[in-house]
Amino acid sequence: MSRPRAGRSNRLSPMQFVVGFGVVSMLTDMVYEGARSITGPYLATLGASAALVGLITGAGEAVALILRMVTGPLSDRIGRHWDQSMLGYAMTAVAAPLIAVTAALWSASVLIVVERFGKAVRTPARDTMLAQASAGRRRGHVFAVHEALDQSGALLGPLLVATMVAVVGYRAGFAALAVPGALALLALLWLRRTVPMPGAYESSTVSAAAGAEQRGRLPAQFWRYAAFTAVAMAGSSTFAVLAFHMHERHVVADALIPVVYAAAMAAAAVAAIASGRLYDRVGTRALLIALPLAAIVPTLAFTTSTALVVTGAVIWGASMGIHESTFRAVVAELVPPSRRGTGFGVFAAVYGVAWLGGSVLIGALYERSVPAVVGYTVLTQVIAGVMLLAMAGRPRFGETLPLG
């Protein structure tokens, strides 16, 4: 079935569309990354322990990722990418500011999870549209540009929250996030009117072999790649655990913790661009950079030196920037076009389960022995590196797949 030409339906070029979606993501990141930057200390004020902070925030990330096993195939099946994206963005824009009115640990925890559920709803549909816009282009660069804009919001949001926390308190910090949330929804409405059919960006020519592949199971190399990612993420914690350490050990003043998070997100943006460009040149070997970065984080971030803790948080941000951009770009090449929503969803679910387990385990180990955290993290990254090298025989896993 032929698709309409992009010129007849869409008023932006593919790259302009990617940048436009990057602006939407930037504003939304101001909301949820601003909230995330103070979640650990705020939960601590409500009586949470380090392990409980790891559990709550890890559960939120798991919901954001695991439920994509449902929302991803749903995106492929119904094909209403815009509607699904808008619903998910609205959930985040509303839930995060509402944390301002909570007074109990359970209600704050529920809103944290609801906000993350919004990400589960929107992301497979959004990533499918980004993959459509990146057809025939350097996928690493396209996803990196989107992620860099996304992370600029992760820089601005915590700075906004830090100002409000310093002047008024935690509740004002959460409440201020209603403003970028409203702007994100307005920008999304405009983008939808301007680009009603992102699928028109992608070539409609698909070979018969591709059609057979699309109707079958997800490729074997996809599952090998997902297994590697799970091991890598099992050695990563959420920022909330790092922030809990800063708060409990009085290493960083509470009002400055969001500023540290903003610095981490700036590092994430730079790392996303660099790794995306490297991936377009050397393939999946570019992902090796993320592993030593993740391994060194607890060695620095769980000390009592302010300089080392901040450095550890920045390195954590760089590692996550690669995970959230270049790791996704690989999926776009591994999975046939008609199954991208499913591929992104399943991949995110595997990623989320591993991150949940890693966050909870690291939080529990932290309460007993920091050296145990260091040893565990190094072990996971070494194993992940061996797995990646075993898979990296070709420059790009998806080179045998038709990519439009």
Protein backbone atom coordinates (compact mmCIF):
# COMPACT_ATOMS: atom_id res chain seq x y z
CA MET A 1 0.00 0.00 0.00
CA SER A 2 1.56 3.28 -1.13
CA ARG A 3 2.01 6.18 1.20
CA PRO A 4 1.33 9.82 0.40
CA ARG A 5 4.27 11.93 -0.58
CA ALA A 6 5.76 13.90 2.28
CA GLY A 7 5.33 17.18 0.42
CA ARG A 8 1.55 16.74 0.24
CA SER A 9 1.02 15.97 3.89
CA ASN A 10 3.89 17.30 5.94
CA ARG A 11 5.08 20.88 6.05
CA LEU A 12 8.44 20.13 7.67
CA SER A 13 11.46 18.27 6.35
CA PRO A 14 12.35 15.03 8.18
CA MET A 15 15.17 16.72 10.09
CA GLN A 16 12.96 19.68 10.99
CA PHE A 17 10.44 17.19 12.33
CA VAL A 18 13.13 15.52 14.45
CA VAL A 19 14.16 18.90 15.83
CA GLY A 20 10.52 19.80 16.49
CA PHE A 21 10.00 16.60 18.44
CA GLY A 22 13.24 17.36 20.23
CA VAL A 23 11.74 20.64 21.44
CA VAL A 24 8.65 18.80 22.71
CA SER A 25 10.89 16.33 24.50
CA MET A 26 13.00 19.17 25.88
CA LEU A 27 9.97 20.78 27.51
CA THR A 28 8.71 17.43 28.80
CA ASP A 29 12.14 16.62 30.16
CA MET A 30 12.06 19.87 32.09
CA VAL A 31 9.01 18.38 33.82
CA TYR A 32 10.04 14.85 34.64
CA GLU A 33 13.79 15.36 34.94
CA GLY A 34 13.15 18.39 37.13
CA ALA A 35 11.00 16.17 39.34
CA ARG A 36 13.51 13.31 39.21
CA SER A 37 16.33 15.59 40.38
CA ILE A 38 14.71 16.00 43.83
CA THR A 39 12.77 12.73 44.07
CA GLY A 40 15.41 10.97 46.21
CA PRO A 41 15.77 13.71 48.85
CA TYR A 42 12.01 14.40 48.85
CA LEU A 43 11.20 10.74 49.47
CA ALA A 44 13.80 10.75 52.24
CA THR A 45 11.94 13.63 53.93
CA LEU A 46 8.82 11.43 53.84
CA GLY A 47 10.65 8.61 55.64
CA ALA A 48 12.03 6.45 52.80
CA SER A 49 15.27 4.47 53.19
CA ALA A 50 17.93 4.11 50.46
CA ALA A 51 16.58 0.68 49.51
CA LEU A 52 13.02 2.03 49.37
CA VAL A 53 14.12 4.98 47.23
CA GLY A 54 15.79 2.49 44.88
CA LEU A 55 12.64 0.36 44.84
CA ILE A 56 10.21 3.25 44.19
CA THR A 57 12.28 4.95 41.52
CA GLY A 58 13.35 1.64 40.02
CA ALA A 59 9.70 0.54 39.89
CA GLY A 60 8.83 3.80 38.16
CA GLU A 61 11.52 3.26 35.55
CA ALA A 62 10.44 -0.37 35.16
CA VAL A 63 6.84 0.73 34.54
CA ALA A 64 8.09 3.25 31.98
CA LEU A 65 9.99 0.50 30.21
CA ILE A 66 8.33 -2.86 30.88
CA LEU A 67 4.83 -1.74 29.92
CA ARG A 68 6.14 -0.87 26.49
CA MET A 69 5.76 -4.59 25.80
CA VAL A 70 2.07 -3.69 25.64
CA THR A 71 2.18 -0.15 24.28
CA GLY A 72 4.75 -1.04 21.60
CA PRO A 73 2.70 -3.77 19.88
CA LEU A 74 -0.39 -1.58 20.37
CA SER A 75 1.37 1.16 18.44
CA ASP A 76 2.08 -1.26 15.57
CA ARG A 77 -1.43 -2.70 15.62
CA ILE A 78 -3.57 0.44 15.67
CA GLY A 79 -1.08 2.78 14.01
CA ARG A 80 -2.34 5.85 15.87
CA HIS A 81 1.08 7.12 16.78
CA TRP A 82 0.06 10.71 17.35
CA ASP A 83 -2.88 9.89 19.65
CA GLN A 84 -0.79 7.51 21.73
CA SER A 85 2.06 10.00 21.99
CA MET A 86 -0.21 12.85 23.08
CA LEU A 87 -1.87 10.76 25.79
CA GLY A 88 1.51 9.81 27.25
CA TYR A 89 2.84 13.35 27.20
CA ALA A 90 -0.31 14.62 28.93
CA MET A 91 0.08 12.08 31.74
CA THR A 92 3.60 13.31 32.49
CA ALA A 93 2.63 16.99 32.23
CA VAL A 94 -0.07 16.50 34.88
CA ALA A 95 1.35 13.89 37.29
CA ALA A 96 4.75 15.44 38.07
CA PRO A 97 3.46 18.87 39.19
CA LEU A 98 0.80 17.16 41.33
CA ILE A 99 3.56 15.77 43.57
CA ALA A 100 3.54 19.29 45.03
CA VAL A 101 0.29 18.54 46.87
CA THR A 102 1.35 15.19 48.35
CA ALA A 103 2.02 14.81 52.06
CA ALA A 104 2.50 11.04 52.32
CA LEU A 105 5.05 8.61 50.95
CA TRP A 106 2.41 6.44 49.27
CA SER A 107 0.78 9.28 47.33
CA ALA A 108 4.12 10.66 46.14
CA SER A 109 5.11 7.15 45.06
CA VAL A 110 1.88 6.68 43.09
CA LEU A 111 2.38 9.93 41.18
CA ILE A 112 6.00 9.02 40.43
CA VAL A 113 4.82 5.74 38.91
CA VAL A 114 1.93 7.40 37.01
CA GLU A 115 4.32 9.92 35.48
CA ARG A 116 6.55 7.07 34.35
CA PHE A 117 3.54 5.22 32.93
CA GLY A 118 3.01 8.22 30.67
CA LYS A 119 6.47 7.60 29.23
CA ALA A 120 5.56 3.96 28.59
CA VAL A 121 2.49 5.07 26.66
CA ARG A 122 4.16 7.65 24.42
CA THR A 123 7.68 6.41 23.73
CA PRO A 124 7.16 3.46 21.32
CA ALA A 125 4.87 5.58 19.14
CA ARG A 126 7.25 8.53 19.26
CA ASP A 127 10.31 6.42 18.49
CA THR A 128 8.47 4.83 15.58
CA MET A 129 7.85 8.30 14.12
CA LEU A 130 11.48 9.26 14.67
CA ALA A 131 12.60 6.06 12.94
CA GLN A 132 10.34 6.93 10.00
CA ALA A 133 11.96 10.36 9.78
CA SER A 134 15.44 8.83 9.98
CA ALA A 135 14.92 6.39 7.08
CA GLY A 136 17.81 6.66 4.65
CA ARG A 137 19.73 8.92 7.02
CA ARG A 138 22.39 8.45 9.69
CA ARG A 139 20.27 6.93 12.44
CA GLY A 140 22.87 7.45 15.13
CA HIS A 141 22.97 11.16 14.34
CA VAL A 142 19.17 11.52 14.15
CA PHE A 143 18.55 9.86 17.50
CA ALA A 144 21.48 11.77 19.00
CA VAL A 145 20.07 15.14 17.89
CA HIS A 146 16.71 14.29 19.45
CA GLU A 147 18.39 13.08 22.64
CA ALA A 148 20.60 16.17 22.87
CA LEU A 149 17.55 18.44 22.70
CA ASP A 150 15.79 16.13 25.13
CA GLN A 151 18.69 16.40 27.57
CA SER A 152 18.76 20.18 27.32
CA GLY A 153 15.41 20.04 29.07
CA ALA A 154 16.98 17.72 31.61
CA LEU A 155 19.49 20.52 32.21
CA LEU A 156 16.96 23.37 32.47
CA GLY A 157 14.34 21.53 34.55
CA PRO A 158 16.61 20.76 37.50
CA LEU A 159 17.92 24.33 37.47
CA LEU A 160 14.35 25.64 37.67
CA VAL A 161 13.59 23.22 40.50
CA ALA A 162 16.82 24.08 42.31
CA THR A 163 15.87 27.76 42.32
CA MET A 164 12.40 27.02 43.69
CA VAL A 165 13.71 24.61 46.34
CA ALA A 166 16.30 27.13 47.51
CA VAL A 167 13.76 29.97 47.75
CA VAL A 168 10.57 28.20 48.86
CA GLY A 169 10.95 24.44 49.21
CA TYR A 170 10.34 21.06 47.57
CA ARG A 171 6.61 21.57 46.94
CA ALA A 172 7.21 24.80 45.01
CA GLY A 173 9.84 22.97 42.98
CA PHE A 174 7.33 20.38 41.83
CA ALA A 175 4.56 22.98 41.26
CA ALA A 176 6.75 25.10 38.95
CA LEU A 177 6.92 22.17 36.53
CA ALA A 178 3.33 22.82 35.43
CA VAL A 179 4.58 25.64 33.17
CA PRO A 180 6.92 23.63 30.87
CA GLY A 181 4.33 20.83 30.95
CA ALA A 182 1.68 23.11 29.44
CA LEU A 183 4.15 24.46 26.86
CA ALA A 184 5.08 20.91 25.84
CA LEU A 185 1.46 20.03 25.10
CA LEU A 186 0.98 23.19 23.04
CA ALA A 187 4.15 22.44 21.04
CA LEU A 188 2.98 18.88 20.46
CA LEU A 189 -0.39 20.07 19.11
CA TRP A 190 1.40 22.38 16.68
CA LEU A 191 3.76 19.61 15.54
CA ARG A 192 0.87 17.25 14.91
CA ARG A 193 -0.90 19.80 12.72
CA THR A 194 2.32 20.51 10.83
CA VAL A 195 3.35 16.88 10.32
CA PRO A 196 0.15 14.79 10.29
CA MET A 197 1.78 11.78 8.54
CA PRO A 198 5.36 11.06 9.62
CA GLY A 199 5.14 7.70 7.86
CA ALA A 200 5.22 9.55 4.54
CA TYR A 201 8.89 10.29 5.18
CA GLU A 202 9.79 6.64 4.78
CA SER A 203 10.03 4.88 1.46
CA SER A 204 7.09 2.57 0.71
CA THR A 205 9.30 0.11 -1.21
CA VAL A 206 9.76 -3.05 0.82
CA SER A 207 11.17 -6.23 -0.68
CA ALA A 208 9.32 -9.53 -0.52
CA ALA A 209 12.02 -10.86 1.78
CA ALA A 210 11.47 -7.91 4.04
CA GLY A 211 7.77 -8.58 4.13
CA ALA A 212 8.38 -12.14 5.25
CA GLU A 213 10.79 -10.93 7.90
CA GLN A 214 8.26 -8.37 9.13
CA ARG A 215 5.58 -11.02 9.59
CA GLY A 216 7.88 -13.31 11.55
CA ARG A 217 9.49 -13.12 14.95
CA LEU A 218 11.89 -10.45 16.02
CA PRO A 219 15.37 -11.26 14.61
CA ALA A 220 17.78 -13.36 16.65
CA GLN A 221 20.36 -10.58 16.66
CA PHE A 222 17.79 -8.34 18.33
CA TRP A 223 17.50 -10.78 21.25
CA ARG A 224 21.27 -11.06 21.59
CA TYR A 225 21.48 -7.30 21.66
CA ALA A 226 18.69 -7.08 24.25
CA ALA A 227 20.54 -9.57 26.47
CA PHE A 228 23.71 -7.47 26.30
CA THR A 229 21.75 -4.34 27.21
CA ALA A 230 20.12 -6.09 30.18
CA VAL A 231 23.50 -7.01 31.64
CA ALA A 232 24.82 -3.48 31.12
CA MET A 233 21.76 -1.92 32.78
CA ALA A 234 21.85 -4.35 35.71
CA GLY A 235 24.94 -2.44 36.82
CA SER A 236 23.29 0.98 36.73
CA SER A 237 21.24 2.72 39.41
CA THR A 238 18.79 5.58 39.15
CA PHE A 239 20.00 9.07 40.01
CA ALA A 240 17.71 9.01 43.04
CA VAL A 241 20.06 6.55 44.77
CA LEU A 242 23.01 8.86 44.10
CA ALA A 243 20.97 11.84 45.33
CA PHE A 244 19.97 9.91 48.46
CA HIS A 245 23.68 9.51 49.26
CA MET A 246 24.29 13.23 48.73
CA HIS A 247 21.40 14.08 51.06
CA GLU A 248 22.03 11.52 53.81
CA ARG A 249 25.81 12.03 54.00
CA HIS A 250 25.47 15.82 53.64
CA VAL A 251 27.92 15.77 50.74
CA VAL A 252 25.88 18.20 48.63
CA ALA A 253 23.35 20.72 49.94
CA ASP A 254 19.78 19.74 49.07
CA ALA A 255 19.22 22.89 47.01
CA LEU A 256 22.29 22.05 44.92
CA ILE A 257 21.42 18.42 44.18
CA PRO A 258 19.25 19.44 41.18
CA VAL A 259 22.20 21.48 39.90
CA VAL A 260 24.38 18.36 40.05
CA TYR A 261 21.68 16.52 38.13
CA ALA A 262 21.61 19.32 35.55
CA ALA A 263 25.36 18.91 35.07
CA ALA A 264 24.84 15.16 34.60
CA MET A 265 22.22 15.85 31.92
CA ALA A 266 24.54 18.27 30.13
CA ALA A 267 27.10 15.45 30.02
CA ALA A 268 24.38 13.13 28.71
CA ALA A 269 23.64 15.49 25.80
CA VAL A 270 27.31 15.73 24.82
CA ALA A 271 27.81 11.97 25.13
CA ALA A 272 24.70 11.30 23.02
CA ILE A 273 25.97 13.43 20.12
CA ALA A 274 29.48 11.98 20.31
CA SER A 275 28.37 8.35 20.54
CA GLY A 276 25.77 8.81 17.80
CA ARG A 277 28.36 10.10 15.37
CA LEU A 278 30.78 7.35 16.35
CA TYR A 279 28.09 4.71 15.86
CA ASP A 280 27.42 5.95 12.32
CA ARG A 281 31.11 5.42 11.57
CA VAL A 282 32.09 2.24 13.44
CA GLY A 283 28.80 0.55 14.32
CA THR A 284 27.97 -1.13 17.61
CA ARG A 285 31.53 -1.01 18.92
CA ALA A 286 30.73 2.60 19.80
CA LEU A 287 28.59 1.28 22.67
CA LEU A 288 31.70 0.01 24.46
CA ILE A 289 32.30 3.56 25.69
CA ALA A 290 29.29 3.39 28.01
CA LEU A 291 30.59 0.38 29.95
CA PRO A 292 33.70 1.77 31.68
CA LEU A 293 31.77 4.96 32.38
CA ALA A 294 29.10 3.00 34.27
CA ALA A 295 31.74 0.91 36.07
CA ILE A 296 33.49 3.92 37.57
CA VAL A 297 30.36 5.69 38.84
CA PRO A 298 30.03 4.09 42.33
CA THR A 299 33.77 4.45 42.97
CA LEU A 300 33.29 8.21 42.84
CA ALA A 301 29.62 8.89 43.55
CA PHE A 302 29.45 7.06 46.90
CA THR A 303 32.41 8.81 48.53
CA THR A 304 32.24 11.74 50.95
CA SER A 305 34.21 14.10 48.72
CA THR A 306 31.99 16.68 47.06
CA ALA A 307 34.27 16.92 44.03
CA LEU A 308 34.34 13.14 43.52
CA VAL A 309 30.58 12.76 44.05
CA VAL A 310 29.83 15.46 41.49
CA THR A 311 32.30 13.91 39.05
CA GLY A 312 30.64 10.52 39.54
CA ALA A 313 27.22 11.99 38.87
CA VAL A 314 28.45 13.66 35.67
CA ILE A 315 29.98 10.37 34.48
CA TRP A 316 26.68 8.63 35.32
CA GLY A 317 24.94 11.19 33.09
CA ALA A 318 27.33 10.56 30.20
CA SER A 319 26.73 6.82 30.45
CA MET A 320 22.95 7.28 30.48
CA GLY A 321 23.14 9.65 27.52
CA ILE A 322 24.64 6.85 25.44
CA HIS A 323 22.10 4.33 26.74
CA GLU A 324 19.13 6.54 25.89
CA SER A 325 20.25 7.55 22.40
CA THR A 326 22.68 5.27 20.61
CA PHE A 327 21.32 2.11 22.25
CA ARG A 328 17.88 3.05 20.80
CA ALA A 329 19.33 3.81 17.36
CA VAL A 330 20.59 0.23 17.13
CA VAL A 331 17.06 -1.09 17.70
CA ALA A 332 15.78 1.00 14.76
CA GLU A 333 18.17 -0.92 12.51
CA LEU A 334 17.62 -4.36 14.00
CA VAL A 335 13.84 -4.44 13.63
CA PRO A 336 11.86 -4.30 10.35
CA PRO A 337 9.72 -1.16 9.83
CA SER A 338 6.33 -2.76 10.46
CA ARG A 339 7.47 -4.11 13.83
CA ARG A 340 9.34 -1.14 15.22
CA GLY A 341 6.80 -0.37 17.92
CA THR A 342 7.05 -3.96 19.13
CA GLY A 343 10.84 -3.92 18.91
CA PHE A 344 11.18 -0.68 20.83
CA GLY A 345 8.65 -1.91 23.38
CA VAL A 346 10.27 -5.29 24.01
CA PHE A 347 13.73 -3.77 24.13
CA ALA A 348 12.59 -1.17 26.66
CA ALA A 349 10.95 -3.86 28.78
CA VAL A 350 14.17 -5.86 28.99
CA TYR A 351 16.05 -2.65 29.72
CA GLY A 352 13.56 -1.73 32.44
CA VAL A 353 13.57 -5.08 34.25
CA ALA A 354 17.35 -4.98 34.37
CA TRP A 355 17.40 -1.37 35.59
CA LEU A 356 14.83 -2.12 38.28
CA GLY A 357 16.84 -5.08 39.53
CA GLY A 358 20.06 -3.11 39.39
CA SER A 359 18.60 -0.11 41.24
CA VAL A 360 17.15 -2.21 44.04
CA LEU A 361 20.29 -4.33 44.42
CA ILE A 362 22.64 -1.34 44.35
CA GLY A 363 20.45 0.45 46.92
CA ALA A 364 20.53 -2.60 49.19
CA LEU A 365 24.28 -3.15 48.74
CA TYR A 366 24.91 0.54 49.43
CA GLU A 367 23.37 0.21 52.90
CA ARG A 368 25.84 -2.59 53.70
CA SER A 369 29.05 -2.02 51.76
CA VAL A 370 30.11 0.50 49.11
CA PRO A 371 32.97 -1.78 47.96
CA ALA A 372 30.33 -4.44 47.26
CA VAL A 373 28.52 -1.96 45.00
CA VAL A 374 31.78 -1.21 43.19
CA GLY A 375 32.60 -4.90 42.70
CA TYR A 376 29.11 -5.74 41.47
CA THR A 377 29.03 -2.83 39.01
CA VAL A 378 32.45 -3.62 37.55
CA LEU A 379 31.50 -7.28 37.12
CA THR A 380 28.31 -6.49 35.18
CA GLN A 381 30.13 -4.11 32.82
CA VAL A 382 32.93 -6.58 32.13
CA ILE A 383 30.41 -9.29 31.26
CA ALA A 384 28.47 -6.85 29.06
CA GLY A 385 31.68 -5.91 27.25
CA VAL A 386 32.47 -9.54 26.46
CA MET A 387 28.92 -10.03 25.13
CA LEU A 388 29.12 -6.95 22.93
CA LEU A 389 32.49 -7.89 21.45
CA ALA A 390 31.14 -11.35 20.65
CA MET A 391 28.27 -9.75 18.71
CA ALA A 392 30.23 -7.03 16.94
CA GLY A 393 31.57 -9.12 14.08
CA ARG A 394 29.82 -6.90 11.57
CA PRO A 395 29.83 -3.13 11.66
CA ARG A 396 26.09 -2.99 12.18
CA PHE A 397 23.72 -5.74 13.31
CA GLY A 398 20.89 -4.51 11.13
CA GLU A 399 22.84 -4.19 7.89
CA THR A 400 21.08 -7.24 6.43
CA LEU A 401 17.66 -5.76 7.12
CA PRO A 402 15.88 -3.51 4.61
CA LEU A 403 15.69 -0.08 6.17
CA GLY A 404 13.72 1.79 3.53
